[in-house]
């Protein structure tokens, strides 16, 4: 680098270019720090981070592709501790130095959360978090198993609140370690013991709040799989509301706190007594209403004419029957009289036209046969030859034959 003087100074661009050449010759480095600001605007390809040294008031700007920021697990948030693999870069126009990151890793708590996040995705892919496999808790379990720390606040909260809600509730408590390397084996053993007990219908795993490291056993894969395989419904009551270990997702019911678990596993005897009283009142009102309705219906039926005077319609129908019978009798007599009159008239006409009546009046119709044997009506005596004899034979009221006076024919 050549000497400069007040009479021969370098322009700003020259200084900036020389600084940039020197910075760009530096290699990539691993840098640890705390993220204090994240800027990733939608539609842009570059994200900007501010990385701060928590032990000193020193910070640097870090740039990285937006896609790299999305791959960090758990999602990067302000305040997270990270390790960045980056190369220093000098921006000539602004004269600033930043780090161009190609890899970002979570460290400390961030690393634990990243590991838990990977396990969460694995268990979710296997269906252990599915709502279809979660079982419904019994309304009033005859026995409740409790797995918690010895003389812990969580044990006190569950027992006191549950017994306050239902005094006769029965608990079987197994105290185990709830943090540290021995916690998971002891909890799994206690879970197996309670799961085999036929008197236990619900199992509660409870612990008070704590740091991520303290709650780490409740995100253990072996414990999650043991809870998923248990035949008895399991309630997870770990930490406080913001704490969500993997056990919360695998258990059949998640309670936000141990106190909330006590409220969820047994009903409140006062509320149930009030509910029974309300149901009994509703049942009594419903029964009275039904009886009143049926009484009104019966009264309406009894007030109808057919039931109020049951013999009245029969009497009216009897009168109708008697009227129609009388009309029928008169009609038959009228028809009989008319037919008798017609018969008498026909008989009178037959009698008037019969030969007997004519004979009775002194008249006769005489027939005779000529020589050829043909019958003729005798209209005049002159038609008979002299010397012939006539004989009229009447049989059955009519003239049957006229014969000439032949002795042989008489």
Protein backbone atom coordinates (compact mmCIF):
# COMPACT_ATOMS: atom_id res chain seq x y z
CA UNK A 1 0.00 0.00 0.00
CA UNK A 2 1.62 3.26 -1.13
CA UNK A 3 2.10 6.19 1.26
CA UNK A 4 -0.47 8.93 1.38
CA UNK A 5 -0.04 12.52 2.49
CA UNK A 6 -2.25 15.47 3.05
CA UNK A 7 -1.18 16.71 -0.33
CA UNK A 8 -1.74 13.30 -1.96
CA UNK A 9 -4.75 11.67 -0.22
CA UNK A 10 -6.68 8.59 -1.43
CA UNK A 11 -10.28 9.00 -2.53
CA UNK A 12 -12.94 7.29 -0.44
CA UNK A 13 -13.58 4.78 -3.18
CA UNK A 14 -9.94 3.71 -3.16
CA UNK A 15 -9.92 3.20 0.58
CA UNK A 16 -13.19 1.32 0.44
CA UNK A 17 -12.00 -0.88 -2.41
CA UNK A 18 -8.75 -1.71 -0.63
CA UNK A 19 -10.60 -2.54 2.60
CA UNK A 20 -13.04 -4.69 0.62
CA UNK A 21 -10.18 -6.56 -1.07
CA UNK A 22 -8.61 -7.26 2.30
CA UNK A 23 -11.92 -8.41 3.89
CA UNK A 24 -12.83 -10.63 0.96
CA UNK A 25 -9.55 -12.48 1.37
CA UNK A 26 -10.68 -13.62 4.82
CA UNK A 27 -12.05 -17.17 5.03
CA UNK A 28 -15.37 -18.40 6.39
CA UNK A 29 -15.66 -18.73 10.17
CA UNK A 30 -18.05 -20.22 12.76
CA UNK A 31 -19.61 -17.46 14.86
CA UNK A 32 -21.73 -17.92 17.99
CA UNK A 33 -24.16 -15.28 19.17
CA UNK A 34 -27.70 -14.35 20.10
CA UNK A 35 -30.24 -13.28 17.50
CA UNK A 36 -31.66 -9.89 18.42
CA UNK A 37 -33.43 -8.94 15.20
CA UNK A 38 -34.82 -10.84 12.20
CA UNK A 39 -35.91 -9.17 8.98
CA UNK A 40 -37.27 -11.39 6.22
CA UNK A 41 -39.72 -9.58 3.97
CA UNK A 42 -42.07 -11.61 1.76
CA UNK A 43 -40.97 -11.79 -1.85
CA UNK A 44 -37.30 -11.08 -1.08
CA UNK A 45 -34.50 -13.60 -1.48
CA UNK A 46 -32.27 -12.26 1.30
CA UNK A 47 -32.95 -12.18 5.04
CA UNK A 48 -31.15 -9.95 7.54
CA UNK A 49 -30.23 -10.92 11.09
CA UNK A 50 -28.54 -9.03 13.89
CA UNK A 51 -26.15 -11.26 15.83
CA UNK A 52 -25.15 -9.99 19.29
CA UNK A 53 -22.47 -11.12 21.72
CA UNK A 54 -24.37 -11.67 25.01
CA UNK A 55 -21.19 -11.00 27.02
CA UNK A 56 -20.35 -7.66 25.40
CA UNK A 57 -22.12 -4.82 23.72
CA UNK A 58 -21.01 -5.92 20.25
CA UNK A 59 -23.25 -6.89 17.31
CA UNK A 60 -22.90 -7.64 13.60
CA UNK A 61 -25.24 -7.90 10.70
CA UNK A 62 -25.74 -11.33 9.11
CA UNK A 63 -27.30 -11.93 5.73
CA UNK A 64 -28.51 -15.27 4.43
CA UNK A 65 -30.88 -16.67 1.81
CA UNK A 66 -34.52 -16.64 2.91
CA UNK A 67 -34.76 -20.36 2.17
CA UNK A 68 -31.95 -21.08 4.65
CA UNK A 69 -33.88 -19.25 7.36
CA UNK A 70 -36.93 -21.42 6.79
CA UNK A 71 -34.95 -24.66 7.25
CA UNK A 72 -33.81 -23.85 10.79
CA UNK A 73 -35.58 -26.05 13.39
CA UNK A 74 -37.10 -24.98 15.61
CA UNK A 75 -38.07 -21.80 13.73
CA UNK A 76 -35.62 -19.04 14.52
CA UNK A 77 -36.87 -16.43 16.96
CA UNK A 78 -35.39 -13.35 18.53
CA UNK A 79 -33.35 -14.24 21.60
CA UNK A 80 -32.31 -17.67 20.30
CA UNK A 81 -28.66 -18.70 20.52
CA UNK A 82 -27.19 -19.90 17.23
CA UNK A 83 -23.91 -20.87 15.60
CA UNK A 84 -23.46 -19.37 12.13
CA UNK A 85 -21.02 -20.49 9.44
CA UNK A 86 -20.40 -17.29 7.49
CA UNK A 87 -17.85 -15.35 5.47
CA UNK A 88 -17.18 -11.64 6.07
CA UNK A 89 -18.39 -9.36 3.29
CA UNK A 90 -17.74 -5.63 2.75
CA UNK A 91 -20.41 -3.52 1.09
CA UNK A 92 -18.55 -0.90 -0.95
CA UNK A 93 -21.44 1.55 -1.34
CA UNK A 94 -22.20 1.86 2.39
CA UNK A 95 -18.78 0.99 3.72
CA UNK A 96 -20.19 -1.64 6.10
CA UNK A 97 -19.09 -5.14 6.98
CA UNK A 98 -21.53 -8.04 7.41
CA UNK A 99 -21.43 -11.81 7.57
CA UNK A 100 -22.83 -13.85 4.69
CA UNK A 101 -24.16 -17.06 6.33
CA UNK A 102 -24.44 -20.40 4.55
CA UNK A 103 -25.40 -22.50 7.60
CA UNK A 104 -27.25 -21.76 10.84
CA UNK A 105 -27.48 -24.15 13.79
CA UNK A 106 -29.28 -23.84 17.08
CA UNK A 107 -27.15 -24.29 20.18
CA UNK A 108 -27.91 -24.87 23.87
CA UNK A 109 -31.68 -24.75 24.37
CA UNK A 110 -32.14 -24.24 20.66
CA UNK A 111 -30.38 -27.53 19.95
CA UNK A 112 -32.62 -29.37 22.42
CA UNK A 113 -35.71 -27.80 20.87
CA UNK A 114 -34.51 -28.77 17.41
CA UNK A 115 -34.07 -32.37 18.52
CA UNK A 116 -37.53 -32.38 20.10
CA UNK A 117 -38.98 -30.90 16.93
CA UNK A 118 -37.47 -33.67 14.81
CA UNK A 119 -38.88 -36.30 17.17
CA UNK A 120 -42.27 -34.58 17.13
CA UNK A 121 -42.44 -34.81 13.34
CA UNK A 122 -41.43 -38.48 13.47
CA UNK A 123 -44.10 -39.41 16.00
CA UNK A 124 -46.72 -37.35 14.18
CA UNK A 125 -45.91 -39.15 10.94
CA UNK A 126 -46.45 -42.49 12.71
CA UNK A 127 -49.91 -41.36 13.86
CA UNK A 128 -49.20 -41.22 17.61
CA UNK A 129 -50.71 -37.73 17.79
CA UNK A 130 -53.86 -38.63 15.87
CA UNK A 131 -57.10 -37.67 17.59
CA UNK A 132 -58.72 -40.90 16.36
CA UNK A 133 -56.60 -43.02 18.70
CA UNK A 134 -57.30 -40.95 21.80
CA UNK A 135 -59.67 -42.59 24.26
CA UNK A 136 -62.41 -40.90 26.23
CA UNK A 137 -62.02 -40.76 30.01
CA UNK A 138 -64.68 -42.49 32.15
CA UNK A 139 -67.18 -40.16 33.78
CA UNK A 140 -66.32 -41.28 37.32
CA UNK A 141 -63.30 -43.61 37.46
CA UNK A 142 -63.32 -46.09 40.32
CA UNK A 143 -59.55 -45.77 40.66
CA UNK A 144 -56.99 -43.18 39.48
CA UNK A 145 -53.27 -43.80 39.16
CA UNK A 146 -50.95 -40.85 39.78
CA UNK A 147 -47.29 -40.75 38.72
CA UNK A 148 -45.45 -37.74 40.14
CA UNK A 149 -42.51 -36.62 42.24
CA UNK A 150 -42.37 -37.41 45.94
CA UNK A 151 -43.99 -34.71 48.15
CA UNK A 152 -44.24 -32.44 45.11
CA UNK A 153 -46.60 -29.52 44.61
CA UNK A 154 -48.05 -31.36 41.60
CA UNK A 155 -49.05 -34.34 43.80
CA UNK A 156 -50.64 -32.00 46.34
CA UNK A 157 -52.58 -30.09 43.68
CA UNK A 158 -53.98 -33.23 42.06
CA UNK A 159 -54.99 -34.99 45.30
CA UNK A 160 -56.44 -31.97 47.09
CA UNK A 161 -58.42 -30.61 44.15
CA UNK A 162 -59.72 -34.02 43.05
CA UNK A 163 -60.87 -34.94 46.59
CA UNK A 164 -62.47 -31.51 46.96
CA UNK A 165 -64.52 -32.18 43.85
CA UNK A 166 -65.34 -35.82 44.65
CA UNK A 167 -64.46 -36.80 48.26
CA UNK A 168 -64.68 -40.57 47.68
CA UNK A 169 -62.24 -40.68 44.76
CA UNK A 170 -59.56 -43.38 45.16
CA UNK A 171 -55.94 -42.72 44.18
CA UNK A 172 -53.00 -45.04 43.76
CA UNK A 173 -49.88 -42.87 43.85
CA UNK A 174 -46.44 -43.95 42.62
CA UNK A 175 -43.63 -41.47 43.27
CA UNK A 176 -40.82 -41.37 40.71
CA UNK A 177 -38.04 -39.07 39.63
CA UNK A 178 -39.42 -36.39 37.30
CA UNK A 179 -36.14 -35.06 35.96
CA UNK A 180 -32.69 -36.38 35.32
CA UNK A 181 -31.48 -39.58 33.63
CA UNK A 182 -33.46 -41.93 35.92
CA UNK A 183 -36.80 -40.22 35.35
CA UNK A 184 -37.81 -41.96 32.12
CA UNK A 185 -37.15 -45.59 33.29
CA UNK A 186 -38.97 -45.00 36.57
CA UNK A 187 -41.98 -43.35 34.90
CA UNK A 188 -42.23 -46.17 32.33
CA UNK A 189 -42.11 -48.80 35.10
CA UNK A 190 -44.78 -46.99 37.13
CA UNK A 191 -46.93 -46.63 34.01
CA UNK A 192 -46.69 -50.38 33.34
CA UNK A 193 -47.63 -51.19 36.96
CA UNK A 194 -50.70 -48.95 36.94
CA UNK A 195 -51.74 -50.10 33.46
CA UNK A 196 -51.89 -53.72 34.69
CA UNK A 197 -53.99 -52.82 37.75
CA UNK A 198 -57.70 -53.52 36.94
CA UNK A 199 -58.81 -51.07 39.64
CA UNK A 200 -57.12 -48.15 37.86
CA UNK A 201 -59.19 -46.61 35.06
CA UNK A 202 -57.22 -43.38 34.51
CA UNK A 203 -53.49 -42.65 34.83
CA UNK A 204 -52.23 -39.11 35.49
CA UNK A 205 -48.61 -38.13 34.89
CA UNK A 206 -48.04 -34.83 36.70
CA UNK A 207 -45.13 -32.47 37.22
CA UNK A 208 -44.78 -28.81 38.09
CA UNK A 209 -43.21 -26.20 35.86
CA UNK A 210 -39.55 -26.03 34.98
CA UNK A 211 -36.99 -25.22 32.33
CA UNK A 212 -36.73 -27.00 29.01
CA UNK A 213 -33.96 -29.22 30.42
CA UNK A 214 -36.11 -30.10 33.46
CA UNK A 215 -39.06 -31.12 31.25
CA UNK A 216 -36.91 -32.98 28.74
CA UNK A 217 -37.80 -36.50 30.09
CA UNK A 218 -41.43 -35.91 29.13
CA UNK A 219 -40.37 -35.50 25.51
CA UNK A 220 -38.45 -38.79 25.52
CA UNK A 221 -39.30 -41.15 22.65
CA UNK A 222 -39.43 -44.26 24.86
CA UNK A 223 -41.90 -42.64 27.27
CA UNK A 224 -44.07 -41.36 24.43
CA UNK A 225 -44.27 -44.82 22.88
CA UNK A 226 -45.04 -46.42 26.26
CA UNK A 227 -47.93 -44.00 26.83
CA UNK A 228 -49.23 -44.65 23.32
CA UNK A 229 -49.18 -48.43 23.93
CA UNK A 230 -50.91 -48.25 27.33
CA UNK A 231 -54.40 -49.76 27.55
CA UNK A 232 -55.55 -47.28 30.19
CA UNK A 233 -56.33 -43.66 29.29
CA UNK A 234 -53.44 -41.36 30.21
CA UNK A 235 -53.69 -37.69 31.25
CA UNK A 236 -50.63 -35.46 30.83
CA UNK A 237 -50.34 -32.65 33.40
CA UNK A 238 -46.82 -31.32 32.86
CA UNK A 239 -45.66 -27.81 33.78
CA UNK A 240 -47.67 -24.71 33.06
CA UNK A 241 -49.85 -23.62 30.15
CA UNK A 242 -46.96 -22.59 27.83
CA UNK A 243 -45.10 -25.88 28.41
CA UNK A 244 -45.89 -28.43 25.72
CA UNK A 245 -43.68 -31.54 25.93
CA UNK A 246 -44.32 -34.34 23.46
CA UNK A 247 -46.19 -36.27 26.14
CA UNK A 248 -49.02 -33.73 25.84
CA UNK A 249 -49.55 -34.73 22.21
CA UNK A 250 -49.42 -38.51 22.83
CA UNK A 251 -51.61 -38.62 25.96
CA UNK A 252 -55.35 -39.15 25.63
CA UNK A 253 -55.98 -35.84 27.42
CA UNK A 254 -53.74 -32.81 27.99
CA UNK A 255 -54.23 -30.78 31.14
CA UNK A 256 -52.59 -27.37 31.28
CA UNK A 257 -51.59 -27.81 34.95
CA UNK A 258 -51.89 -30.50 37.66
CA UNK A 259 -54.81 -28.54 39.11
CA UNK A 260 -56.54 -28.60 35.74
CA UNK A 261 -55.97 -32.37 35.58
CA UNK A 262 -57.81 -32.82 38.88
CA UNK A 263 -60.75 -30.89 37.44
CA UNK A 264 -60.79 -32.95 34.25
CA UNK A 265 -60.59 -36.49 35.68
CA UNK A 266 -63.42 -36.35 38.25
CA UNK A 267 -66.73 -34.47 38.23
CA UNK A 268 -67.72 -31.92 40.87
CA UNK A 269 -70.12 -33.52 43.34
CA UNK A 270 -71.90 -30.19 43.90
CA UNK A 271 -72.36 -29.61 40.19
CA UNK A 272 -73.55 -33.16 39.64
CA UNK A 273 -75.96 -32.92 42.59
CA UNK A 274 -77.34 -29.71 41.16
CA UNK A 275 -77.58 -31.32 37.74
CA UNK A 276 -79.45 -34.32 39.18
CA UNK A 277 -81.82 -31.94 40.98
CA UNK A 278 -82.40 -30.00 37.77
CA UNK A 279 -82.98 -33.19 35.78
CA UNK A 280 -85.40 -34.43 38.45
CA UNK A 281 -87.30 -31.14 38.30
CA UNK A 282 -87.37 -31.28 34.53
CA UNK A 283 -88.61 -34.86 34.69
CA UNK A 284 -91.34 -33.93 37.17
CA UNK A 285 -92.44 -30.98 35.05
CA UNK A 286 -92.39 -33.12 31.93
CA UNK A 287 -94.48 -35.84 33.63
CA UNK A 288 -96.99 -33.33 34.96
CA UNK A 289 -97.21 -31.72 31.56
CA UNK A 290 -97.81 -35.09 29.93
CA UNK A 291 -100.49 -36.01 32.47
CA UNK A 292 -102.22 -32.64 31.98
CA UNK A 293 -102.12 -33.08 28.22
CA UNK A 294 -103.60 -36.58 28.41
CA UNK A 295 -106.25 -35.38 30.88
CA UNK A 296 -107.31 -32.61 28.50
CA UNK A 297 -107.39 -35.11 25.66
CA UNK A 298 -109.61 -37.48 27.65
CA UNK A 299 -111.92 -34.62 28.59
CA UNK A 300 -112.19 -33.61 24.96
CA UNK A 301 -112.98 -37.19 24.00
CA UNK A 302 -115.57 -37.53 26.75
CA UNK A 303 -117.23 -34.27 25.71
CA UNK A 304 -117.82 -35.51 22.18
CA UNK A 305 -121.48 -36.48 21.44
CA UNK A 306 -120.64 -40.08 20.69
CA UNK A 307 -119.27 -40.57 24.21
CA UNK A 308 -121.43 -38.00 26.05
CA UNK A 309 -124.67 -39.75 24.83
CA UNK A 310 -123.69 -43.18 23.52
CA UNK A 311 -127.35 -44.45 23.33
CA UNK A 312 -128.61 -41.39 21.45
CA UNK A 313 -127.22 -42.41 18.03
CA UNK A 314 -128.57 -45.93 18.57
CA UNK A 315 -132.06 -44.55 19.32
CA UNK A 316 -131.92 -42.28 16.29
CA UNK A 317 -130.82 -45.15 14.10
CA UNK A 318 -133.63 -47.31 15.60
CA UNK A 319 -136.18 -44.68 14.55
CA UNK A 320 -134.65 -44.59 11.09
CA UNK A 321 -134.83 -48.39 10.85
CA UNK A 322 -138.48 -48.37 11.97
CA UNK A 323 -139.31 -45.64 9.45
CA UNK A 324 -137.66 -47.48 6.60
CA UNK A 325 -139.34 -50.74 7.63
CA UNK A 326 -142.75 -49.04 7.63
CA UNK A 327 -142.01 -47.51 4.24
CA UNK A 328 -141.01 -50.92 2.93
CA UNK A 329 -144.18 -52.51 4.32
CA UNK A 330 -146.33 -49.87 2.68
CA UNK A 331 -144.46 -50.22 -0.58
CA UNK A 332 -144.95 -54.02 -0.53
CA UNK A 333 -148.65 -53.68 0.27
CA UNK A 334 -149.09 -51.10 -2.47
CA UNK A 335 -147.35 -53.34 -4.99
CA UNK A 336 -149.39 -56.37 -3.84
CA UNK A 337 -152.68 -54.46 -4.12
CA UNK A 338 -151.74 -53.23 -7.58
CA UNK A 339 -150.86 -56.72 -8.75
CA UNK A 340 -154.05 -58.16 -7.23
CA UNK A 341 -156.12 -55.55 -9.07
CA UNK A 342 -154.28 -56.31 -12.31
CA UNK A 343 -154.88 -60.04 -11.76
CA UNK A 344 -158.59 -59.48 -11.08
CA UNK A 345 -158.86 -57.32 -14.19
CA UNK A 346 -157.15 -59.97 -16.33
CA UNK A 347 -159.38 -62.66 -14.85
CA UNK A 348 -162.49 -60.57 -15.59
CA UNK A 349 -161.37 -60.07 -19.19
CA UNK A 350 -160.72 -63.75 -19.62
CA UNK A 351 -164.06 -64.60 -18.13
CA UNK A 352 -165.84 -62.13 -20.45
CA UNK A 353 -164.12 -63.51 -23.50
CA UNK A 354 -164.52 -67.20 -22.62
CA UNK A 355 -167.13 -69.44 -24.32
CA UNK A 356 -168.69 -70.26 -21.03
CA UNK A 357 -169.78 -66.69 -20.56
CA UNK A 358 -171.08 -66.53 -24.08
CA UNK A 359 -173.00 -69.76 -23.58
CA UNK A 360 -174.35 -68.44 -20.35
CA UNK A 361 -175.74 -65.48 -22.18
CA UNK A 362 -177.63 -67.90 -24.64
CA UNK A 363 -175.26 -67.79 -27.55
CA UNK A 364 -173.35 -70.54 -29.23
CA UNK A 365 -170.83 -70.82 -31.99
CA UNK A 366 -171.48 -73.90 -34.13
CA UNK A 367 -168.97 -75.42 -36.50
CA UNK A 368 -169.59 -78.11 -38.98
CA UNK A 369 -167.51 -80.07 -41.44
CA UNK A 370 -168.30 -80.21 -45.08
CA UNK A 371 -167.95 -83.25 -47.21
CA UNK A 372 -164.31 -82.63 -47.65
CA UNK A 373 -163.85 -82.54 -43.88
CA UNK A 374 -163.11 -78.84 -43.64
CA UNK A 375 -164.52 -77.05 -40.58
CA UNK A 376 -166.96 -74.18 -41.08
CA UNK A 377 -168.74 -71.84 -38.72
CA UNK A 378 -172.44 -72.15 -38.98
CA UNK A 379 -173.80 -68.71 -39.55
CA UNK A 380 -177.35 -69.71 -40.70
CA UNK A 381 -179.48 -72.81 -40.48
CA UNK A 382 -180.15 -72.54 -44.19
CA UNK A 383 -176.64 -73.65 -44.76
CA UNK A 384 -177.63 -77.11 -43.50
CA UNK A 385 -179.26 -79.40 -45.96
CA UNK A 386 -182.74 -80.47 -45.43
CA UNK A 387 -183.17 -83.58 -43.41
CA UNK A 388 -179.75 -83.22 -41.73
CA UNK A 389 -179.54 -83.27 -38.04
CA UNK A 390 -177.26 -81.03 -36.05
CA UNK A 391 -175.84 -81.78 -32.69
CA UNK A 392 -173.69 -79.39 -30.73
CA UNK A 393 -171.25 -80.92 -28.27
CA UNK A 394 -169.79 -78.64 -25.70
CA UNK A 395 -166.82 -79.83 -23.66
CA UNK A 396 -164.89 -77.90 -21.03
CA UNK A 397 -166.86 -74.75 -21.69
CA UNK A 398 -166.17 -74.67 -25.47
CA UNK A 399 -167.73 -76.10 -28.59
CA UNK A 400 -165.53 -78.96 -29.73
CA UNK A 401 -167.45 -80.37 -32.69
CA UNK A 402 -170.63 -80.15 -34.80
CA UNK A 403 -171.84 -83.32 -36.40
CA UNK A 404 -174.60 -83.84 -38.99
CA UNK A 405 -177.53 -85.92 -37.90
CA UNK A 406 -176.03 -89.26 -38.76
CA UNK A 407 -177.09 -91.88 -36.41
CA UNK A 408 -173.63 -93.44 -36.43
CA UNK A 409 -171.99 -90.21 -35.61
CA UNK A 410 -174.10 -89.50 -32.57
